Protein backbone atom coordinates (compact mmCIF):
# COMPACT_ATOMS: atom_id res chain seq x y z
CA MET A 1 120.96 -106.64 33.50
CA PRO A 2 118.13 -107.27 36.00
CA GLN A 3 119.22 -108.08 39.54
CA THR A 4 117.39 -109.41 42.53
CA LEU A 5 117.97 -108.07 46.03
CA ALA A 6 119.99 -111.19 46.80
CA ASP A 7 122.07 -110.77 43.61
CA TRP A 8 122.91 -107.17 44.46
CA LEU A 9 123.84 -107.97 48.05
CA GLN A 10 126.05 -110.81 46.88
CA ALA A 11 127.83 -108.67 44.28
CA CYS A 12 128.21 -105.55 46.43
CA SER A 13 131.76 -105.01 47.73
CA LEU A 14 130.64 -103.13 50.81
CA PRO A 15 130.27 -104.72 54.24
CA LYS A 16 126.87 -106.40 54.30
CA SER A 17 125.64 -104.15 57.13
CA GLU A 18 126.31 -101.06 55.00
CA ALA A 19 124.85 -102.65 51.86
CA ARG A 20 121.66 -103.46 53.75
CA MET A 21 121.40 -99.86 55.01
CA LEU A 22 121.68 -98.61 51.42
CA LEU A 23 118.96 -101.05 50.31
CA GLN A 24 116.62 -99.64 52.93
CA HIS A 25 117.56 -96.04 52.10
CA ALA A 26 117.35 -96.30 48.31
CA GLY A 27 114.51 -98.77 47.91
CA GLY A 28 112.64 -98.79 51.19
CA TYR A 29 113.56 -102.42 51.78
CA THR A 30 113.44 -103.01 55.53
CA ARG A 31 115.54 -105.78 57.03
CA ALA A 32 112.45 -108.01 57.04
CA ARG A 33 111.68 -107.28 53.37
CA GLN A 34 115.29 -107.95 52.42
CA ILE A 35 114.75 -111.49 53.71
CA THR A 36 111.22 -112.12 52.46
CA CYS A 37 111.69 -110.38 49.10
CA ALA A 38 115.26 -111.50 48.41
CA GLU A 39 114.36 -112.86 44.96
CA ASP A 40 112.40 -109.80 43.84
CA ILE A 41 113.85 -107.93 40.86
CA LEU A 42 115.14 -104.47 41.78
CA PRO A 43 113.52 -101.64 39.79
CA GLU A 44 116.01 -100.04 37.40
CA SER A 45 115.83 -96.68 39.17
CA VAL A 46 116.53 -98.27 42.55
CA LEU A 47 119.39 -100.35 41.11
CA ALA A 48 120.99 -97.25 39.56
CA SER A 49 120.67 -95.36 42.85
CA LEU A 50 122.13 -98.27 44.83
CA ASN A 51 125.12 -98.59 42.52
CA HIS A 52 125.78 -94.87 42.66
CA LEU A 53 125.60 -94.83 46.47
CA ALA A 54 127.84 -97.90 46.71
CA GLU A 55 130.45 -96.26 44.46
CA ARG A 56 130.45 -93.15 46.63
CA ARG A 57 130.85 -95.24 49.76
CA LEU A 58 133.72 -97.21 48.21
CA ARG A 59 135.45 -93.87 47.60
CA GLY A 60 135.21 -93.26 51.34
CA GLU A 61 132.21 -90.93 51.61
CA PRO A 62 130.64 -91.25 55.09
CA MET A 63 127.52 -93.36 55.43
CA ALA A 64 125.86 -90.52 57.35
CA TYR A 65 126.09 -88.26 54.29
CA LEU A 66 124.84 -91.00 51.96
CA LEU A 67 121.85 -91.70 54.21
CA GLY A 68 121.34 -88.02 55.08
CA GLU A 69 120.92 -88.66 58.79
CA ARG A 70 122.63 -89.80 61.98
CA GLU A 71 121.27 -90.66 65.42
CA PHE A 72 122.18 -88.48 68.39
CA TYR A 73 120.81 -88.77 71.93
CA GLY A 74 118.11 -91.13 70.70
CA ARG A 75 116.87 -88.89 67.89
CA MET A 76 117.55 -88.84 64.16
CA PHE A 77 119.16 -85.65 62.85
CA ALA A 78 119.50 -84.63 59.22
CA VAL A 79 123.15 -84.22 58.19
CA ASN A 80 124.90 -83.20 54.99
CA PRO A 81 128.37 -82.06 53.90
CA ASN A 82 127.69 -78.58 55.33
CA VAL A 83 127.83 -79.92 58.90
CA LEU A 84 129.88 -82.29 61.01
CA ILE A 85 128.62 -85.82 61.54
CA PRO A 86 127.30 -86.16 65.12
CA ARG A 87 129.51 -88.26 67.36
CA PRO A 88 128.68 -90.07 70.62
CA GLU A 89 131.34 -88.10 72.54
CA THR A 90 129.29 -84.94 72.17
CA GLU A 91 126.46 -86.52 74.17
CA HIS A 92 128.68 -86.07 77.24
CA LEU A 93 128.70 -82.33 76.56
CA VAL A 94 124.91 -82.25 76.37
CA GLU A 95 124.67 -84.16 79.64
CA ALA A 96 127.01 -81.70 81.35
CA VAL A 97 124.85 -78.79 80.20
CA LEU A 98 121.67 -80.48 81.41
CA ARG A 99 123.21 -81.09 84.83
CA HIS A 100 124.10 -77.43 85.33
CA LEU A 101 121.15 -75.58 83.78
CA PRO A 102 118.82 -74.03 86.38
CA GLN A 103 115.07 -74.01 85.97
CA ASN A 104 114.03 -71.53 83.26
CA GLY A 105 117.71 -70.95 82.46
CA LYS A 106 119.33 -69.66 79.28
CA VAL A 107 121.93 -71.43 77.15
CA TRP A 108 123.86 -70.36 74.06
CA ASP A 109 125.25 -73.07 71.76
CA MET A 110 128.05 -71.59 69.64
CA GLY A 111 129.07 -73.23 66.38
CA THR A 112 125.89 -75.28 66.39
CA GLY A 113 126.40 -77.08 63.06
CA SER A 114 123.49 -79.48 62.58
CA GLY A 115 122.00 -78.23 65.85
CA ILE A 116 122.39 -81.47 67.80
CA ILE A 117 123.37 -79.76 71.06
CA ALA A 118 120.84 -76.93 70.96
CA VAL A 119 117.93 -79.03 69.71
CA THR A 120 118.58 -81.82 72.20
CA ILE A 121 118.74 -79.39 75.13
CA ALA A 122 115.55 -77.66 73.98
CA LEU A 123 113.71 -80.98 73.79
CA GLU A 124 115.07 -82.34 77.05
CA ARG A 125 114.45 -79.08 78.91
CA PRO A 126 111.46 -77.23 77.42
CA ASP A 127 111.61 -74.74 80.31
CA VAL A 128 114.96 -73.41 79.04
CA PHE A 129 115.63 -70.65 76.49
CA VAL A 130 118.06 -71.95 73.87
CA ARG A 131 120.05 -69.90 71.38
CA ALA A 132 122.16 -71.50 68.63
CA SER A 133 124.61 -69.67 66.37
CA ASP A 134 126.97 -70.53 63.55
CA ILE A 135 129.11 -68.64 61.04
CA SER A 136 127.80 -70.82 58.21
CA PRO A 137 124.35 -69.97 56.80
CA ALA A 138 124.21 -73.44 55.23
CA ALA A 139 124.86 -75.08 58.59
CA LEU A 140 122.20 -72.90 60.20
CA ASP A 141 119.70 -73.99 57.55
CA THR A 142 120.37 -77.60 58.53
CA ALA A 143 120.01 -76.81 62.24
CA LYS A 144 116.75 -74.93 61.63
CA ALA A 145 115.39 -77.86 59.64
CA ASN A 146 116.27 -80.26 62.45
CA ALA A 147 114.64 -78.03 65.04
CA ALA A 148 111.48 -77.79 62.94
CA LYS A 149 111.35 -81.53 62.25
CA LEU A 150 111.84 -82.46 65.89
CA GLY A 151 109.65 -79.70 67.31
CA ALA A 152 112.34 -77.80 69.24
CA GLU A 153 112.06 -74.13 70.20
CA VAL A 154 115.45 -72.56 69.42
CA GLU A 155 116.51 -69.00 68.61
CA PHE A 156 119.00 -68.98 65.74
CA ALA A 157 121.67 -66.37 65.01
CA CYS A 158 124.33 -66.12 62.31
CA GLY A 159 127.86 -64.94 62.99
CA SER A 160 131.30 -65.67 64.34
CA TRP A 161 131.27 -66.55 68.03
CA PHE A 162 129.91 -63.55 69.98
CA ASP A 163 129.57 -61.33 66.89
CA VAL A 164 126.14 -62.38 65.63
CA ASP A 165 123.22 -60.78 63.82
CA ARG A 166 120.87 -60.70 66.81
CA PRO A 167 121.12 -58.58 69.97
CA SER A 168 122.97 -60.48 72.68
CA GLU A 169 122.05 -59.92 76.30
CA GLN A 170 125.12 -59.29 78.42
CA HIS A 171 125.31 -61.28 81.64
CA GLY A 172 122.18 -63.13 80.54
CA TYR A 173 123.25 -66.74 80.03
CA ASP A 174 123.58 -69.55 82.53
CA VAL A 175 125.61 -71.72 80.15
CA ILE A 176 127.63 -71.07 77.01
CA VAL A 177 128.49 -74.32 75.27
CA SER A 178 130.52 -75.13 72.18
CA ASN A 179 132.03 -77.97 70.21
CA PRO A 180 134.34 -75.71 68.17
CA PRO A 181 136.96 -76.45 65.48
CA TYR A 182 139.89 -77.79 67.49
CA ILE A 183 142.03 -79.99 65.23
CA GLU A 184 145.46 -78.54 64.45
CA ALA A 185 145.97 -77.51 60.83
CA GLU A 186 148.73 -80.06 60.19
CA ASP A 187 147.04 -82.99 61.93
CA ASP A 188 147.10 -86.05 59.68
CA HIS A 189 143.61 -87.05 60.84
CA LEU A 190 142.18 -84.32 58.59
CA ARG A 191 143.27 -86.40 55.61
CA GLN A 192 141.88 -89.69 56.90
CA GLY A 193 138.49 -91.41 57.07
CA ASP A 194 135.28 -89.41 57.35
CA LEU A 195 137.16 -86.19 58.17
CA ARG A 196 138.22 -85.90 54.52
CA PHE A 197 134.60 -85.22 53.59
CA GLU A 198 133.46 -83.06 56.50
CA PRO A 199 133.57 -79.23 56.39
CA GLN A 200 137.15 -78.29 57.20
CA ASN A 201 136.26 -74.97 58.86
CA ALA A 202 134.17 -76.93 61.39
CA LEU A 203 137.08 -79.25 62.15
CA THR A 204 140.14 -77.03 62.28
CA ASP A 205 140.99 -73.41 63.07
CA PHE A 206 143.79 -73.69 60.46
CA SER A 207 146.20 -72.90 63.29
CA ASP A 208 147.16 -74.55 66.58
CA GLY A 209 143.66 -75.86 67.38
CA LEU A 210 143.18 -73.47 70.31
CA SER A 211 141.95 -70.28 68.62
CA ALA A 212 138.28 -70.85 69.39
CA PHE A 213 139.00 -71.68 73.02
CA ARG A 214 140.90 -68.41 73.43
CA VAL A 215 137.94 -66.40 72.11
CA LEU A 216 135.42 -68.31 74.19
CA ALA A 217 137.43 -68.06 77.42
CA GLU A 218 138.22 -64.37 76.94
CA LYS A 219 134.73 -63.15 75.99
CA ALA A 220 132.24 -65.54 77.60
CA GLY A 221 132.39 -63.60 80.86
CA VAL A 222 130.65 -60.65 79.20
CA TYR A 223 127.60 -62.76 78.38
CA LEU A 224 127.46 -65.22 81.27
CA LYS A 225 125.71 -64.53 84.53
CA ALA A 226 127.84 -64.53 87.66
CA GLY A 227 128.31 -68.20 88.45
CA GLY A 228 127.48 -69.17 84.86
CA TRP A 229 129.24 -72.03 83.11
CA LEU A 230 131.41 -72.28 80.01
CA MET A 231 131.56 -75.80 78.56
CA VAL A 232 133.54 -77.02 75.57
CA GLU A 233 134.46 -80.21 73.79
CA HIS A 234 138.10 -80.53 72.75
CA GLY A 235 140.79 -82.92 71.59
CA TYR A 236 142.10 -85.70 73.83
CA ASN A 237 145.45 -83.89 74.22
CA GLN A 238 144.15 -80.35 74.78
CA GLY A 239 142.88 -80.60 78.36
CA ASP A 240 145.88 -78.86 79.95
CA ALA A 241 145.77 -75.95 77.52
CA VAL A 242 142.00 -75.44 77.81
CA ARG A 243 142.08 -75.60 81.61
CA TYR A 244 144.79 -72.92 81.62
CA LEU A 245 142.75 -70.65 79.33
CA PHE A 246 139.68 -71.03 81.53
CA SER A 247 141.57 -70.36 84.77
CA ASP A 248 143.45 -67.42 83.25
CA ASN A 249 140.16 -65.77 82.28
CA GLY A 250 138.34 -65.84 85.59
CA PHE A 251 136.80 -69.30 85.66
CA ALA A 252 136.84 -71.44 88.78
CA GLU A 253 135.84 -75.05 89.47
CA VAL A 254 137.58 -75.87 86.18
CA VAL A 255 137.54 -79.58 85.49
CA THR A 256 138.11 -81.80 82.47
CA LEU A 257 135.83 -84.80 82.04
CA PRO A 258 136.61 -88.01 80.14
CA ASP A 259 134.70 -89.73 77.37
CA LEU A 260 133.76 -93.40 77.47
CA ALA A 261 137.26 -94.32 76.29
CA GLY A 262 138.74 -92.51 79.30
CA LEU A 263 140.21 -89.71 77.15
CA GLU A 264 139.99 -86.06 78.21
CA ARG A 265 137.13 -84.76 76.10
CA LEU A 266 135.35 -81.76 77.63
CA THR A 267 136.26 -78.98 80.01
CA ILE A 268 133.84 -76.93 82.10
CA GLY A 269 134.37 -73.92 84.31
CA ARG A 270 132.26 -71.55 86.43
CA LEU A 271 132.60 -67.77 86.11
CA LYS A 272 133.73 -66.15 89.33
CA GLU A 273 132.94 -62.52 88.45
CA ILE A 274 131.12 -61.02 85.49
CA LYS A 275 133.12 -58.94 83.02
CA SER A 276 132.15 -55.54 81.70
């Protein structure tokens, strides 16, 4: 049965803000057109697409995956079920990196996912060499596409943490940064909300949530310059454990910084002596 824009909006069970986003995504109807063309009949193909998207959203699928994009640091990044959905908290991690990168420095973003950290740094600091790596080829494809779309110069490598498919310069990096999987395997949040649909191996280490931090703290000293920085995002209740791992592996000036909610969200530390 034919439906107008107004009919569909009225019948849709989603919050009106989400329904309007789907109208723009599926039919190209801007907010202004949704008002001025409210009585226009929706083409059958657009109506079918809208109903399909609405059904997926009602089942809980994240809006970011339905729309195929999410804003981060003022730029739109492509996202899909192969990568985590960018979150505002990670902008604090980017800002910490930008504050500590020297002119013409080098940074390695590990577990890059959609590439939001690496691409943002490359665009904000074109003088800097940026490497991004991930164990997932599908995630790397997304990151490469984002870098190409936004015009960012980034070197990409595939592999698990420091074991990647490109030669890695020892003692060559000013900053190693990561937003790794840090949710504990039995955490109920993995079965709630958007997390149900995001790639589990990017959310959890299937253990105690600290596995990645152990690897990063133990091995970063081989690849950082003397005085280089290791920076990670972590869970609100992991600050004590991450600070201990940093301090126990030769990092000084270790500090945990809060997010906008005042929760411990990222820890940074400076390497005292390079490791062989």
